[in-house]
Amino acid sequence: MTGAQAQALQQLLLVGFRVEQMGKRVIKVQRGNDYRLVLQDGGLKRAMGARR
C-alpha cells in the first residue's frame, strides 16, 4: 500500500466506509450500496454497479 493510498483510505474509514477487499493495486471499500476503489495514487473511483 502506498502512502497516498493509505491516506485516502484513512479518510474514507473516518467517514464510515469499511474495507471490503484489499488487493495488490486497489482497495475496495463499502458504505451501504456505495462501493469505491482506492487507487495506488490515492485517487478514488466509483466501482461498477455502485448506486448514487
N, C-alpha and C. Protein backbone atom coordinates (compact mmCIF):
# COMPACT_ATOMS: atom_id res chain seq x y z
N MET A 1 0.85 -1.16 0.00
CA MET A 1 0.00 0.00 0.00
C MET A 1 0.90 1.23 0.00
N THR A 2 0.59 2.17 -0.89
CA THR A 2 1.37 3.40 -0.98
C THR A 2 0.93 4.39 0.09
N GLY A 3 1.73 5.42 0.30
CA GLY A 3 1.39 6.44 1.28
C GLY A 3 0.12 7.19 0.92
N ALA A 4 -0.02 7.55 -0.36
CA ALA A 4 -1.22 8.26 -0.81
C ALA A 4 -2.46 7.39 -0.66
N GLN A 5 -2.31 6.12 -0.94
CA GLN A 5 -3.42 5.17 -0.82
C GLN A 5 -3.82 5.01 0.65
N ALA A 6 -2.86 4.95 1.54
CA ALA A 6 -3.15 4.82 2.97
C ALA A 6 -3.86 6.06 3.50
N GLN A 7 -3.45 7.23 3.03
CA GLN A 7 -4.07 8.47 3.48
C GLN A 7 -5.52 8.56 3.01
N ALA A 8 -5.77 8.22 1.75
CA ALA A 8 -7.14 8.24 1.21
C ALA A 8 -8.01 7.21 1.93
N LEU A 9 -7.46 6.05 2.21
CA LEU A 9 -8.20 5.00 2.92
C LEU A 9 -8.56 5.46 4.33
N GLN A 10 -7.63 6.11 5.00
CA GLN A 10 -7.88 6.59 6.37
C GLN A 10 -9.03 7.60 6.38
N GLN A 11 -9.08 8.49 5.40
CA GLN A 11 -10.16 9.48 5.32
C GLN A 11 -11.50 8.80 5.09
N LEU A 12 -11.53 7.77 4.24
CA LEU A 12 -12.78 7.06 3.98
C LEU A 12 -13.24 6.29 5.22
N LEU A 13 -12.32 5.71 5.95
CA LEU A 13 -12.68 4.97 7.16
C LEU A 13 -13.28 5.90 8.22
N LEU A 14 -12.80 7.13 8.29
CA LEU A 14 -13.34 8.10 9.24
C LEU A 14 -14.76 8.50 8.90
N VAL A 15 -15.13 8.44 7.62
CA VAL A 15 -16.47 8.84 7.17
C VAL A 15 -17.46 7.69 7.28
N GLY A 16 -16.99 6.48 7.55
CA GLY A 16 -17.90 5.36 7.75
C GLY A 16 -17.78 4.23 6.75
N PHE A 17 -16.83 4.30 5.84
CA PHE A 17 -16.61 3.20 4.91
C PHE A 17 -15.89 2.08 5.63
N ARG A 18 -16.03 0.85 5.12
CA ARG A 18 -15.28 -0.28 5.65
C ARG A 18 -14.60 -1.00 4.49
N VAL A 19 -13.49 -1.64 4.77
CA VAL A 19 -12.72 -2.33 3.74
C VAL A 19 -13.45 -3.60 3.35
N GLU A 20 -13.77 -3.71 2.08
CA GLU A 20 -14.45 -4.89 1.55
C GLU A 20 -13.42 -5.90 1.03
N GLN A 21 -12.41 -5.40 0.31
CA GLN A 21 -11.42 -6.28 -0.29
C GLN A 21 -10.13 -5.49 -0.49
N MET A 22 -8.99 -6.11 -0.18
CA MET A 22 -7.71 -5.43 -0.33
C MET A 22 -6.85 -6.23 -1.29
N GLY A 23 -6.55 -5.64 -2.44
CA GLY A 23 -5.73 -6.30 -3.43
C GLY A 23 -4.34 -5.68 -3.49
N LYS A 24 -3.55 -6.10 -4.47
CA LYS A 24 -2.19 -5.56 -4.60
C LYS A 24 -2.20 -4.13 -5.11
N ARG A 25 -3.17 -3.80 -5.97
CA ARG A 25 -3.16 -2.47 -6.58
C ARG A 25 -4.31 -1.58 -6.15
N VAL A 26 -5.44 -2.15 -5.81
CA VAL A 26 -6.60 -1.36 -5.40
C VAL A 26 -7.20 -1.91 -4.11
N ILE A 27 -7.89 -1.03 -3.41
CA ILE A 27 -8.62 -1.42 -2.20
C ILE A 27 -10.08 -1.07 -2.44
N LYS A 28 -10.96 -2.03 -2.21
CA LYS A 28 -12.40 -1.82 -2.40
C LYS A 28 -13.02 -1.55 -1.04
N VAL A 29 -13.71 -0.39 -0.93
CA VAL A 29 -14.37 -0.03 0.32
C VAL A 29 -15.86 0.10 0.08
N GLN A 30 -16.65 -0.06 1.14
CA GLN A 30 -18.11 -0.07 1.00
C GLN A 30 -18.74 0.69 2.15
N ARG A 31 -19.83 1.41 1.82
CA ARG A 31 -20.71 2.01 2.83
C ARG A 31 -22.11 1.91 2.26
N GLY A 32 -22.90 0.98 2.78
CA GLY A 32 -24.24 0.75 2.24
C GLY A 32 -24.15 0.20 0.83
N ASN A 33 -24.76 0.89 -0.13
CA ASN A 33 -24.70 0.48 -1.53
C ASN A 33 -23.62 1.23 -2.30
N ASP A 34 -22.80 1.98 -1.63
CA ASP A 34 -21.76 2.79 -2.26
C ASP A 34 -20.43 2.06 -2.17
N TYR A 35 -19.91 1.62 -3.31
CA TYR A 35 -18.62 0.95 -3.39
C TYR A 35 -17.63 1.87 -4.08
N ARG A 36 -16.43 1.99 -3.54
CA ARG A 36 -15.40 2.81 -4.16
C ARG A 36 -14.09 2.06 -4.18
N LEU A 37 -13.28 2.39 -5.17
CA LEU A 37 -11.95 1.80 -5.30
C LEU A 37 -10.92 2.86 -4.97
N VAL A 38 -9.97 2.53 -4.11
CA VAL A 38 -8.87 3.43 -3.77
C VAL A 38 -7.68 2.99 -4.62
N LEU A 39 -7.25 3.85 -5.54
CA LEU A 39 -6.16 3.52 -6.45
C LEU A 39 -4.81 3.77 -5.79
N GLN A 40 -3.73 3.31 -6.42
CA GLN A 40 -2.39 3.44 -5.84
C GLN A 40 -1.95 4.89 -5.69
N ASP A 41 -2.44 5.77 -6.56
CA ASP A 41 -2.05 7.18 -6.47
C ASP A 41 -2.93 7.96 -5.48
N GLY A 42 -3.82 7.27 -4.77
CA GLY A 42 -4.69 7.92 -3.80
C GLY A 42 -6.01 8.38 -4.37
N GLY A 43 -6.20 8.19 -5.67
CA GLY A 43 -7.45 8.59 -6.32
C GLY A 43 -8.57 7.62 -5.99
N LEU A 44 -9.79 8.11 -6.15
CA LEU A 44 -10.97 7.29 -5.88
C LEU A 44 -11.75 7.09 -7.16
N LYS A 45 -12.34 5.92 -7.32
CA LYS A 45 -13.22 5.61 -8.44
C LYS A 45 -14.44 4.92 -7.88
N ARG A 46 -15.58 5.26 -8.43
CA ARG A 46 -16.80 4.57 -8.05
C ARG A 46 -16.80 3.22 -8.75
N ALA A 47 -17.01 2.16 -8.00
CA ALA A 47 -16.98 0.81 -8.57
C ALA A 47 -18.20 0.59 -9.46
N MET A 48 -18.08 -0.28 -10.44
CA MET A 48 -19.19 -0.56 -11.35
C MET A 48 -20.36 -1.12 -10.56
N GLY A 49 -21.55 -0.63 -10.86
CA GLY A 49 -22.75 -1.10 -10.20
C GLY A 49 -23.06 -0.35 -8.92
N ALA A 50 -22.25 0.64 -8.57
CA ALA A 50 -22.48 1.40 -7.34
C ALA A 50 -23.65 2.36 -7.55
N ARG A 51 -24.51 2.43 -6.56
CA ARG A 51 -25.65 3.35 -6.64
C ARG A 51 -25.23 4.70 -6.09
N ARG A 52 -25.88 5.73 -6.59
CA ARG A 52 -25.57 7.09 -6.11
C ARG A 52 -26.46 7.51 -5.01
